[in-house]
């Protein structure tokens, strides 16, 4: 039997094993569907109250998105307005530390040269890569962050934290050359830059081949921790690690701890952070294809250490199973799981708090184990996220042509 047919057969078995379970899910979602509305860029109605209540309780607010969706940075900005009164001071994004630093300077101080460096480093995009989010709506989101949470002092901890790998080496090397303290080091940086640029142009983006040269540049240069130069050298050193030495999730955790410690040293007893990452990284549990813990899983553990909580919300706009580029086609599991959500939707944007559904989902899964070890189609979605925002009729972000 094909996997999809096996899955659907197992789902039918689960329904028989748990009489009324499907109806209970449909009823719950209809009763807990909250339409998200905006009024002059702010959340309005019951959804605003829900986000405020959750912001008051959580130290870490994790938004799991689909990239390049126009509505998501608009909604993220409206949510940030609700978080700021609860002393949220930082936004962590899916970008490298240097690019995050450039955006931080733009957001806090209106630094247009930093924005130009960010844009030059992220366009044209790498093939099959949509991070860091850099659409017109995303740039407006970054600018909004600074306006809402200002005024800002240069001595404050950064507002925007880049907690991911730097995806392109040439902008790092170009800026490193500009910041180099003497002519000899600049010549060395320019020589490495020329070789890396030629390799990238030929389609080879692995900088591991330049490990020795980049390590030598790092040895020759001294950079205070937290400085722009430090972030560049750190990102380059991470890029040239051997595959066996490199785990991106370790980097995210390390970069988070650095920023978190910096905020504490600046006087924040319990730094509050909003995370904006792809939904793959925002789910609790294990990464589906690699098996290691997700970044949100690490943050949830960190919240437990702080004796506080993390709340994570999935923003979903996939549609159907047909092949297409936008919106992203759902997997067959997602399509099955989302059917009652779609039926219960209260408007174009609907919020569902799914935490109270978990006891029912656990019971159904236990009753279905003999037929299908993974249980009900709702399992991954409801166990991985605290809430779901279903986006209907979404639009693609406004992106410059590559």
Protein backbone atom coordinates (compact mmCIF):
# COMPACT_ATOMS: atom_id res chain seq x y z
CA UNK A 1 0.00 0.00 0.00
CA UNK A 2 1.31 3.49 -0.86
CA UNK A 3 2.42 5.65 2.12
CA UNK A 4 -0.44 8.13 1.65
CA UNK A 5 -3.06 5.36 1.51
CA UNK A 6 -1.47 3.69 4.54
CA UNK A 7 -1.61 6.98 6.40
CA UNK A 8 -5.27 7.58 5.56
CA UNK A 9 -6.18 4.03 6.51
CA UNK A 10 -4.43 4.48 9.84
CA UNK A 11 -6.30 7.75 10.38
CA UNK A 12 -9.62 5.96 9.85
CA UNK A 13 -8.52 3.35 12.38
CA UNK A 14 -7.71 6.15 14.82
CA UNK A 15 -11.18 7.61 14.41
CA UNK A 16 -12.78 4.25 15.20
CA UNK A 17 -10.47 3.82 18.18
CA UNK A 18 -11.48 7.23 19.51
CA UNK A 19 -15.20 7.72 18.84
CA UNK A 20 -16.08 11.34 18.25
CA UNK A 21 -12.45 12.49 18.19
CA UNK A 22 -12.67 14.09 14.75
CA UNK A 23 -15.82 15.92 15.71
CA UNK A 24 -14.18 17.04 18.96
CA UNK A 25 -11.31 18.57 17.01
CA UNK A 26 -13.65 20.36 14.62
CA UNK A 27 -15.75 21.69 17.50
CA UNK A 28 -12.69 22.85 19.45
CA UNK A 29 -11.23 24.70 16.47
CA UNK A 30 -14.52 26.42 15.66
CA UNK A 31 -14.86 27.54 19.27
CA UNK A 32 -11.27 28.76 19.47
CA UNK A 33 -10.91 30.44 16.07
CA UNK A 34 -9.96 34.09 16.51
CA UNK A 35 -9.82 36.38 13.50
CA UNK A 36 -6.72 38.56 13.38
CA UNK A 37 -7.49 42.10 12.30
CA UNK A 38 -5.28 45.15 11.89
CA UNK A 39 -6.21 48.79 12.44
CA UNK A 40 -3.58 51.34 11.44
CA UNK A 41 -0.83 48.75 11.82
CA UNK A 42 -1.98 47.51 15.21
CA UNK A 43 -3.72 44.30 16.19
CA UNK A 44 -7.40 44.81 16.92
CA UNK A 45 -10.03 42.82 18.78
CA UNK A 46 -9.64 39.51 20.66
CA UNK A 47 -6.40 38.56 18.86
CA UNK A 48 -4.68 41.62 20.34
CA UNK A 49 -5.78 40.55 23.81
CA UNK A 50 -4.47 37.03 23.25
CA UNK A 51 -1.03 38.23 22.15
CA UNK A 52 -0.83 40.66 25.07
CA UNK A 53 -1.77 37.97 27.59
CA UNK A 54 0.79 35.54 26.20
CA UNK A 55 3.49 38.23 26.04
CA UNK A 56 2.97 38.92 29.72
CA UNK A 57 3.71 35.28 30.58
CA UNK A 58 6.45 34.25 28.14
CA UNK A 59 10.07 35.36 28.06
CA UNK A 60 10.61 34.01 24.55
CA UNK A 61 8.06 34.51 21.77
CA UNK A 62 8.86 32.35 18.71
CA UNK A 63 7.21 33.06 15.34
CA UNK A 64 7.61 30.26 12.80
CA UNK A 65 7.01 31.57 9.29
CA UNK A 66 6.94 30.79 5.63
CA UNK A 67 9.52 33.07 4.04
CA UNK A 68 8.62 35.60 1.33
CA UNK A 69 4.98 35.90 2.38
CA UNK A 70 3.86 39.53 2.31
CA UNK A 71 1.58 39.35 5.34
CA UNK A 72 4.08 37.84 7.78
CA UNK A 73 6.41 40.82 8.38
CA UNK A 74 3.32 43.05 8.55
CA UNK A 75 1.80 40.82 11.24
CA UNK A 76 5.16 40.42 13.00
CA UNK A 77 5.42 44.20 13.26
CA UNK A 78 1.92 44.44 14.72
CA UNK A 79 2.76 41.69 17.22
CA UNK A 80 5.96 43.53 18.20
CA UNK A 81 3.82 46.53 19.14
CA UNK A 82 2.03 44.31 21.66
CA UNK A 83 5.28 42.89 23.06
CA UNK A 84 7.19 46.12 23.67
CA UNK A 85 5.08 47.23 26.67
CA UNK A 86 6.07 43.93 28.33
CA UNK A 87 9.77 44.88 28.04
CA UNK A 88 10.60 42.85 24.95
CA UNK A 89 13.79 44.51 23.73
CA UNK A 90 15.26 42.09 21.18
CA UNK A 91 14.27 40.40 17.91
CA UNK A 92 16.26 37.36 16.77
CA UNK A 93 16.19 36.65 13.05
CA UNK A 94 17.36 34.04 10.57
CA UNK A 95 20.45 35.94 9.44
CA UNK A 96 24.16 35.82 10.09
CA UNK A 97 25.61 37.89 12.96
CA UNK A 98 27.16 40.48 10.64
CA UNK A 99 23.99 40.93 8.59
CA UNK A 100 22.02 41.08 11.84
CA UNK A 101 24.42 43.77 13.05
CA UNK A 102 23.89 45.78 9.84
CA UNK A 103 20.13 45.59 10.31
CA UNK A 104 20.47 46.53 13.97
CA UNK A 105 22.36 49.71 13.04
CA UNK A 106 19.72 50.51 10.44
CA UNK A 107 16.80 49.85 12.82
CA UNK A 108 18.20 51.66 15.84
CA UNK A 109 20.02 54.59 14.28
CA UNK A 110 18.66 54.90 10.75
CA UNK A 111 22.09 53.97 9.36
CA UNK A 112 21.50 53.91 5.60
CA UNK A 113 25.05 52.77 4.83
CA UNK A 114 24.49 49.71 7.03
CA UNK A 115 21.26 49.02 5.14
CA UNK A 116 23.10 49.37 1.82
CA UNK A 117 25.70 46.84 3.03
CA UNK A 118 22.90 44.45 3.98
CA UNK A 119 21.19 44.79 0.60
CA UNK A 120 24.44 44.43 -1.35
CA UNK A 121 25.27 41.27 0.61
CA UNK A 122 21.89 39.60 0.10
CA UNK A 123 21.23 40.34 -3.60
CA UNK A 124 21.27 38.52 -5.86
CA UNK A 125 20.01 35.64 -3.80
CA UNK A 126 21.72 32.30 -3.69
CA UNK A 127 19.83 29.51 -5.50
CA UNK A 128 17.01 27.99 -3.40
CA UNK A 129 17.71 30.35 -0.52
CA UNK A 130 15.20 32.84 0.89
CA UNK A 131 17.01 33.87 4.07
CA UNK A 132 17.63 36.29 5.52
CA UNK A 133 14.18 37.72 4.74
CA UNK A 134 14.95 40.79 2.64
CA UNK A 135 11.80 41.81 0.79
CA UNK A 136 10.43 45.34 0.82
CA UNK A 137 8.03 44.33 3.61
CA UNK A 138 10.89 42.80 5.59
CA UNK A 139 12.95 46.01 5.40
CA UNK A 140 9.90 47.97 6.55
CA UNK A 141 9.57 45.51 9.45
CA UNK A 142 13.19 46.06 10.54
CA UNK A 143 12.72 49.82 10.39
CA UNK A 144 9.49 49.57 12.38
CA UNK A 145 11.24 47.62 15.14
CA UNK A 146 13.55 50.52 15.83
CA UNK A 147 10.82 53.14 15.74
CA UNK A 148 8.54 51.28 18.12
CA UNK A 149 11.17 50.39 20.71
CA UNK A 150 13.24 53.62 20.63
CA UNK A 151 14.93 55.81 21.65
CA UNK A 152 18.19 53.87 21.39
CA UNK A 153 21.63 54.44 22.87
CA UNK A 154 24.82 53.07 21.35
CA UNK A 155 25.60 51.54 24.75
CA UNK A 156 22.41 49.45 24.74
CA UNK A 157 22.41 45.75 23.86
CA UNK A 158 21.51 45.20 20.19
CA UNK A 159 17.85 45.23 19.21
CA UNK A 160 18.26 42.78 16.29
CA UNK A 161 20.19 39.56 16.81
CA UNK A 162 21.41 37.60 13.79
CA UNK A 163 21.52 33.98 14.93
CA UNK A 164 22.39 31.97 11.83
CA UNK A 165 25.17 31.31 9.34
CA UNK A 166 26.35 33.95 6.87
CA UNK A 167 25.38 32.44 3.53
CA UNK A 168 27.80 34.36 1.31
CA UNK A 169 31.52 34.82 1.97
CA UNK A 170 32.44 37.59 -0.48
CA UNK A 171 30.60 40.44 1.34
CA UNK A 172 32.35 39.43 4.56
CA UNK A 173 35.79 39.49 2.94
CA UNK A 174 35.08 42.79 1.17
CA UNK A 175 34.07 44.46 4.42
CA UNK A 176 36.99 42.84 6.24
CA UNK A 177 39.35 44.46 3.73
CA UNK A 178 37.70 47.85 4.34
CA UNK A 179 38.17 47.46 8.10
CA UNK A 180 41.74 46.10 7.92
CA UNK A 181 44.22 48.18 9.96
CA UNK A 182 47.14 48.19 7.50
CA UNK A 183 47.95 47.82 3.82
CA UNK A 184 49.60 44.40 4.10
CA UNK A 185 46.51 42.83 5.70
CA UNK A 186 44.26 44.55 3.15
CA UNK A 187 46.29 43.04 0.31
CA UNK A 188 45.96 39.60 1.90
CA UNK A 189 42.21 40.05 2.36
CA UNK A 190 41.82 41.26 -1.24
CA UNK A 191 43.75 38.26 -2.56
CA UNK A 192 41.50 35.82 -0.69
CA UNK A 193 38.44 37.82 -1.78
CA UNK A 194 39.42 37.51 -5.44
CA UNK A 195 39.81 33.74 -5.17
CA UNK A 196 36.57 33.24 -3.24
CA UNK A 197 34.66 35.51 -5.65
CA UNK A 198 35.93 33.49 -8.61
CA UNK A 199 34.88 30.25 -6.93
CA UNK A 200 31.41 31.62 -6.13
CA UNK A 201 30.99 32.83 -9.70
CA UNK A 202 31.78 29.29 -10.87
CA UNK A 203 29.11 27.94 -8.50
CA UNK A 204 31.42 26.70 -5.71
CA UNK A 205 30.17 28.28 -2.49
CA UNK A 206 32.01 26.11 0.02
CA UNK A 207 34.74 28.27 1.58
CA UNK A 208 36.39 25.26 3.22
CA UNK A 209 38.92 25.24 0.37
CA UNK A 210 40.20 28.58 1.66
CA UNK A 211 40.50 27.45 5.27
CA UNK A 212 44.24 28.13 5.62
CA UNK A 213 44.12 31.63 4.10
CA UNK A 214 41.12 32.72 6.17
CA UNK A 215 42.60 31.30 9.36
CA UNK A 216 45.77 33.30 8.66
CA UNK A 217 43.77 36.50 8.19
CA UNK A 218 42.04 35.86 11.51
CA UNK A 219 45.40 35.35 13.21
CA UNK A 220 46.72 38.67 11.92
CA UNK A 221 43.72 40.74 12.94
CA UNK A 222 42.56 41.69 16.41
CA UNK A 223 38.94 42.59 17.04
CA UNK A 224 37.15 43.50 20.30
CA UNK A 225 34.31 41.05 21.09
CA UNK A 226 31.01 42.40 19.80
CA UNK A 227 32.59 44.70 17.22
CA UNK A 228 31.69 44.55 13.53
CA UNK A 229 35.12 43.15 12.70
CA UNK A 230 34.74 40.45 15.37
CA UNK A 231 31.42 39.36 13.85
CA UNK A 232 32.98 39.13 10.39
CA UNK A 233 35.98 37.09 11.54
CA UNK A 234 33.74 34.83 13.60
CA UNK A 235 31.41 34.23 10.64
CA UNK A 236 34.31 33.46 8.31
CA UNK A 237 35.88 31.03 10.76
CA UNK A 238 32.56 29.24 11.12
CA UNK A 239 32.20 28.94 7.34
CA UNK A 240 35.58 27.22 6.86
CA UNK A 241 35.04 24.50 9.45
CA UNK A 242 35.18 20.95 8.17
CA UNK A 243 31.75 19.32 7.77
CA UNK A 244 32.40 17.06 10.76
CA UNK A 245 33.09 20.12 12.91
CA UNK A 246 30.08 22.13 11.83
CA UNK A 247 26.51 22.00 13.11
CA UNK A 248 24.38 25.04 12.35
CA UNK A 249 22.21 24.46 15.40
CA UNK A 250 25.30 24.74 17.61
CA UNK A 251 26.10 28.08 16.02
CA UNK A 252 22.56 29.39 16.66
CA UNK A 253 22.77 28.36 20.30
CA UNK A 254 26.24 29.90 20.71
CA UNK A 255 25.22 33.18 19.09
CA UNK A 256 22.07 33.31 21.21
CA UNK A 257 24.02 32.80 24.42
CA UNK A 258 26.43 35.58 23.51
CA UNK A 259 23.64 38.06 22.86
CA UNK A 260 21.68 36.92 25.89
CA UNK A 261 24.71 37.35 28.16
CA UNK A 262 25.42 40.77 26.66
CA UNK A 263 21.87 41.90 27.42
CA UNK A 264 22.23 40.69 31.00
CA UNK A 265 25.52 42.53 31.41
CA UNK A 266 23.76 45.66 30.17
CA UNK A 267 21.37 45.42 33.11
CA UNK A 268 18.48 43.26 31.83
CA UNK A 269 17.70 40.72 34.53
CA UNK A 270 15.57 38.57 32.21
CA UNK A 271 15.99 39.61 28.54
CA UNK A 272 12.81 39.08 26.56
CA UNK A 273 13.20 38.07 22.93
CA UNK A 274 10.92 37.67 19.91
CA UNK A 275 12.26 35.12 17.41
CA UNK A 276 11.37 35.24 13.72
CA UNK A 277 12.57 32.08 11.97
CA UNK A 278 11.26 29.61 9.44
CA UNK A 279 8.64 27.26 10.86
CA UNK A 280 11.08 24.35 10.42
CA UNK A 281 13.32 25.88 13.10
CA UNK A 282 10.42 27.14 15.22
CA UNK A 283 8.83 23.75 15.97
CA UNK A 284 9.52 21.94 19.19
CA UNK A 285 11.12 18.51 18.81
CA UNK A 286 13.52 17.05 16.26
CA UNK A 287 14.32 18.28 12.78
CA UNK A 288 12.46 15.94 10.43
CA UNK A 289 15.30 15.26 8.01
CA UNK A 290 18.39 15.61 10.21
CA UNK A 291 17.13 14.25 13.53
CA UNK A 292 18.82 16.82 15.75
CA UNK A 293 16.85 19.11 18.05
CA UNK A 294 15.33 22.22 16.49
CA UNK A 295 16.41 25.71 17.51
CA UNK A 296 13.05 26.30 19.21
CA UNK A 297 13.57 23.12 21.17
CA UNK A 298 16.84 24.56 22.46
CA UNK A 299 15.14 27.86 23.35
CA UNK A 300 12.34 25.99 25.14
CA UNK A 301 15.00 24.24 27.22
CA UNK A 302 16.69 27.57 27.89
CA UNK A 303 13.35 28.95 29.06
CA UNK A 304 13.07 26.08 31.54
CA UNK A 305 16.52 26.95 32.87
CA UNK A 306 15.33 30.53 33.34
CA UNK A 307 12.17 29.20 35.06
CA UNK A 308 10.01 30.85 32.49
CA UNK A 309 8.30 29.86 29.22
CA UNK A 310 8.58 29.99 25.46
CA UNK A 311 5.50 30.35 23.27
CA UNK A 312 5.78 29.35 19.60
CA UNK A 313 3.32 30.15 16.83
CA UNK A 314 3.26 28.65 13.33
CA UNK A 315 2.23 30.87 10.42
CA UNK A 316 0.91 28.60 7.67
CA UNK A 317 -0.16 29.52 4.16
CA UNK A 318 0.47 26.32 2.16
CA UNK A 319 -2.30 25.32 -0.21
CA UNK A 320 -3.17 21.95 -1.71
CA UNK A 321 -0.77 19.34 -3.02
CA UNK A 322 -0.22 20.68 -6.53
CA UNK A 323 3.27 21.65 -7.60
CA UNK A 324 3.83 25.38 -7.53
CA UNK A 325 6.11 28.11 -6.28
CA UNK A 326 3.65 30.26 -4.32
CA UNK A 327 2.06 29.54 -2.04
CA UNK A 328 4.11 26.50 -1.12
CA UNK A 329 2.22 23.23 -1.71
CA UNK A 330 1.35 21.41 1.50
CA UNK A 331 2.75 17.99 2.24
CA UNK A 332 0.06 15.34 2.30
CA UNK A 333 0.34 15.22 6.10
CA UNK A 334 -0.12 19.00 6.37
CA UNK A 335 -3.07 18.91 4.00
CA UNK A 336 -4.84 16.31 6.13
CA UNK A 337 -4.05 18.12 9.36
CA UNK A 338 -5.18 21.52 8.08
CA UNK A 339 -8.63 20.48 6.82
CA UNK A 340 -10.47 21.24 10.10
CA UNK A 341 -8.47 24.45 10.52
CA UNK A 342 -9.57 25.63 7.09
CA UNK A 343 -13.19 24.73 7.85
CA UNK A 344 -13.08 26.67 11.13
CA UNK A 345 -11.28 29.77 9.79
CA UNK A 346 -12.88 32.99 10.97
CA UNK A 347 -11.39 35.21 8.27
CA UNK A 348 -8.35 35.69 6.02
CA UNK A 349 -6.06 35.45 9.08
CA UNK A 350 -7.16 33.14 11.88
CA UNK A 351 -5.44 32.38 15.18
CA UNK A 352 -5.92 28.98 16.88
CA UNK A 353 -4.50 28.27 20.34
CA UNK A 354 -4.10 24.48 20.14
CA UNK A 355 -2.56 23.68 23.53
CA UNK A 356 -5.78 22.38 25.06
CA UNK A 357 -6.13 19.90 22.19
CA UNK A 358 -3.04 17.97 23.24
CA UNK A 359 -4.67 15.57 25.75
CA UNK A 360 -7.13 14.41 23.07
CA UNK A 361 -4.35 14.01 20.49
CA UNK A 362 -2.30 11.93 22.93
CA UNK A 363 -5.22 9.59 23.61
CA UNK A 364 -5.92 9.08 19.91
CA UNK A 365 -2.28 8.38 19.16
CA UNK A 366 -2.07 5.76 21.90
CA UNK A 367 -5.18 4.05 20.56
CA UNK A 368 -3.76 4.05 17.01
CA UNK A 369 -0.24 2.81 17.71
CA UNK A 370 -0.83 -0.73 16.47
CA UNK A 371 -2.02 0.51 13.08
CA UNK A 372 0.36 3.41 12.53
CA UNK A 373 3.21 4.34 14.91
CA UNK A 374 3.04 8.04 14.09
CA UNK A 375 -0.61 8.27 15.07
CA UNK A 376 -3.01 11.00 13.98
CA UNK A 377 -2.20 13.58 11.25
CA UNK A 378 -2.57 16.41 13.79
CA UNK A 379 0.24 15.08 15.98
CA UNK A 380 3.21 17.00 14.57
CA UNK A 381 1.41 20.31 14.21
CA UNK A 382 -0.30 20.39 17.60
CA UNK A 383 2.58 18.93 19.60
CA UNK A 384 5.18 21.12 17.90
CA UNK A 385 3.42 24.49 18.21
CA UNK A 386 1.36 26.25 20.87
CA UNK A 387 -0.71 28.16 18.33
CA UNK A 388 -1.35 28.25 14.61
CA UNK A 389 -2.06 31.27 12.43
CA UNK A 390 -3.71 30.18 9.20
CA UNK A 391 -3.23 32.62 6.32
CA UNK A 392 -5.69 32.40 3.44
CA UNK A 393 -5.28 34.22 0.12
CA UNK A 394 -1.74 35.27 1.01
CA UNK A 395 0.45 37.22 -1.37
CA UNK A 396 4.10 36.96 -2.32
CA UNK A 397 6.48 39.53 -0.83
CA UNK A 398 7.78 42.31 -3.03
CA UNK A 399 11.26 41.17 -4.02
CA UNK A 400 13.78 42.95 -6.26
CA UNK A 401 14.58 40.97 -9.43
CA UNK A 402 17.64 38.74 -9.10
